Every structure is written in C-alpha cells, then in structure tokens.
C-alpha cells in the first residue's frame, strides 16, 4: 500500500470514528464503557 493510499484510508477511518462518537450516542456509550473497563482492569 502506498503512503498516499494509507493516508487516505487512515483519514477516512478517523472521520468516521469522530462522526460516530459525535452523532451516534449508543456507539459513544459503548466506546466509553469499553475504555473505562480497560482502564479499571489495568489500574494499579
């Protein structure tokens, strides 16, 4: 994969991710709960 293709794919995924977090509340809650679960299991 060329650098330009990789950049376009990464930018597209980032845009979809941010829009999903902003405009799809169940998706944002799922991401938040998974992050809290990860952080609570790895806390010292």
N, C-alpha and C. Protein backbone atom coordinates (compact mmCIF):
# COMPACT_ATOMS: atom_id res chain seq x y z
N UNK A 1 0.86 -1.18 0.00
CA UNK A 1 0.00 0.00 0.00
C UNK A 1 0.90 1.23 0.00
N UNK A 2 0.60 2.17 -0.87
CA UNK A 2 1.42 3.37 -0.94
C UNK A 2 1.08 4.32 0.20
N UNK A 3 1.98 5.25 0.43
CA UNK A 3 1.78 6.20 1.53
C UNK A 3 0.52 7.03 1.35
N UNK A 4 0.24 7.41 0.12
CA UNK A 4 -0.93 8.24 -0.13
C UNK A 4 -2.22 7.46 0.12
N UNK A 5 -2.26 6.22 -0.28
CA UNK A 5 -3.43 5.38 -0.04
C UNK A 5 -3.61 5.16 1.46
N UNK A 6 -2.52 4.88 2.14
CA UNK A 6 -2.58 4.68 3.60
C UNK A 6 -3.09 5.94 4.29
N UNK A 7 -2.65 7.10 3.86
CA UNK A 7 -3.10 8.36 4.45
C UNK A 7 -4.59 8.57 4.22
N UNK A 8 -5.07 8.28 3.03
CA UNK A 8 -6.49 8.46 2.73
C UNK A 8 -7.35 7.50 3.56
N UNK A 9 -6.92 6.26 3.67
CA UNK A 9 -7.69 5.27 4.45
C UNK A 9 -7.71 5.67 5.92
N UNK A 10 -6.56 6.09 6.45
CA UNK A 10 -6.50 6.50 7.85
C UNK A 10 -7.36 7.73 8.12
N UNK A 11 -7.32 8.69 7.22
CA UNK A 11 -8.14 9.89 7.39
C UNK A 11 -9.62 9.55 7.32
N UNK A 12 -10.00 8.65 6.42
CA UNK A 12 -11.40 8.24 6.32
C UNK A 12 -11.88 7.54 7.58
N UNK A 13 -11.06 6.66 8.12
CA UNK A 13 -11.43 5.97 9.36
C UNK A 13 -11.54 6.96 10.50
N UNK A 14 -10.63 7.92 10.58
CA UNK A 14 -10.67 8.92 11.65
C UNK A 14 -11.93 9.76 11.56
N UNK A 15 -12.31 10.16 10.36
CA UNK A 15 -13.52 10.98 10.19
C UNK A 15 -14.76 10.19 10.59
N UNK A 16 -14.85 8.93 10.16
CA UNK A 16 -16.00 8.10 10.51
C UNK A 16 -16.05 7.89 12.02
N UNK A 17 -14.89 7.66 12.65
CA UNK A 17 -14.82 7.44 14.10
C UNK A 17 -15.33 8.68 14.85
N UNK A 18 -14.85 9.86 14.48
CA UNK A 18 -15.25 11.09 15.17
C UNK A 18 -16.73 11.38 14.96
N UNK A 19 -17.21 11.23 13.73
CA UNK A 19 -18.63 11.47 13.47
C UNK A 19 -19.50 10.47 14.21
N UNK A 20 -19.04 9.24 14.30
CA UNK A 20 -19.79 8.24 15.07
C UNK A 20 -19.85 8.59 16.54
N UNK A 21 -18.74 9.06 17.10
CA UNK A 21 -18.75 9.45 18.51
C UNK A 21 -19.64 10.67 18.75
N UNK A 22 -19.68 11.58 17.81
CA UNK A 22 -20.47 12.79 17.99
C UNK A 22 -21.97 12.59 17.78
N UNK A 23 -22.34 11.78 16.80
CA UNK A 23 -23.73 11.74 16.37
C UNK A 23 -24.46 10.41 16.63
N UNK A 24 -23.77 9.40 17.17
CA UNK A 24 -24.41 8.12 17.45
C UNK A 24 -24.22 7.82 18.94
N UNK A 25 -25.17 8.23 19.78
CA UNK A 25 -25.00 8.06 21.23
C UNK A 25 -24.72 6.63 21.69
N UNK A 26 -25.40 5.59 21.16
CA UNK A 26 -25.06 4.23 21.64
C UNK A 26 -23.61 3.85 21.34
N UNK A 27 -23.10 4.28 20.20
CA UNK A 27 -21.70 3.99 19.86
C UNK A 27 -20.76 4.71 20.82
N UNK A 28 -21.06 5.96 21.14
CA UNK A 28 -20.23 6.72 22.07
C UNK A 28 -20.26 6.09 23.47
N UNK A 29 -21.42 5.64 23.90
CA UNK A 29 -21.52 4.99 25.22
C UNK A 29 -20.77 3.67 25.24
N UNK A 30 -20.83 2.92 24.15
CA UNK A 30 -20.10 1.66 24.07
C UNK A 30 -18.59 1.90 24.15
N UNK A 31 -18.10 2.88 23.41
CA UNK A 31 -16.68 3.19 23.44
C UNK A 31 -16.27 3.65 24.84
N UNK A 32 -17.09 4.49 25.46
CA UNK A 32 -16.78 4.97 26.81
C UNK A 32 -16.74 3.81 27.81
N UNK A 33 -17.70 2.93 27.74
CA UNK A 33 -17.73 1.82 28.70
C UNK A 33 -16.56 0.87 28.48
N UNK A 34 -16.20 0.63 27.22
CA UNK A 34 -15.04 -0.23 26.95
C UNK A 34 -13.73 0.42 27.43
N UNK A 35 -13.61 1.73 27.26
CA UNK A 35 -12.41 2.41 27.75
C UNK A 35 -12.34 2.36 29.27
N UNK A 36 -13.47 2.58 29.95
CA UNK A 36 -13.48 2.51 31.41
C UNK A 36 -13.18 1.10 31.90
N UNK A 37 -13.70 0.09 31.23
CA UNK A 37 -13.41 -1.29 31.59
C UNK A 37 -11.92 -1.58 31.43
N UNK A 38 -11.35 -1.16 30.33
CA UNK A 38 -9.92 -1.37 30.09
C UNK A 38 -9.08 -0.66 31.15
N UNK A 39 -9.42 0.59 31.45
CA UNK A 39 -8.64 1.35 32.42
C UNK A 39 -8.81 0.79 33.84
N UNK A 40 -9.99 0.34 34.17
CA UNK A 40 -10.19 -0.18 35.54
C UNK A 40 -9.51 -1.54 35.73
N UNK A 41 -9.41 -2.33 34.68
CA UNK A 41 -8.74 -3.63 34.83
C UNK A 41 -7.22 -3.49 34.80
N UNK A 42 -6.71 -2.42 34.23
CA UNK A 42 -5.26 -2.23 34.15
C UNK A 42 -4.73 -1.21 35.14
N UNK A 43 -5.59 -0.70 36.03
CA UNK A 43 -5.14 0.27 37.03
C UNK A 43 -4.35 -0.45 38.11
N UNK A 44 -3.39 0.23 38.63
CA UNK A 44 -2.58 -0.37 39.72
C UNK A 44 -2.92 0.29 41.03
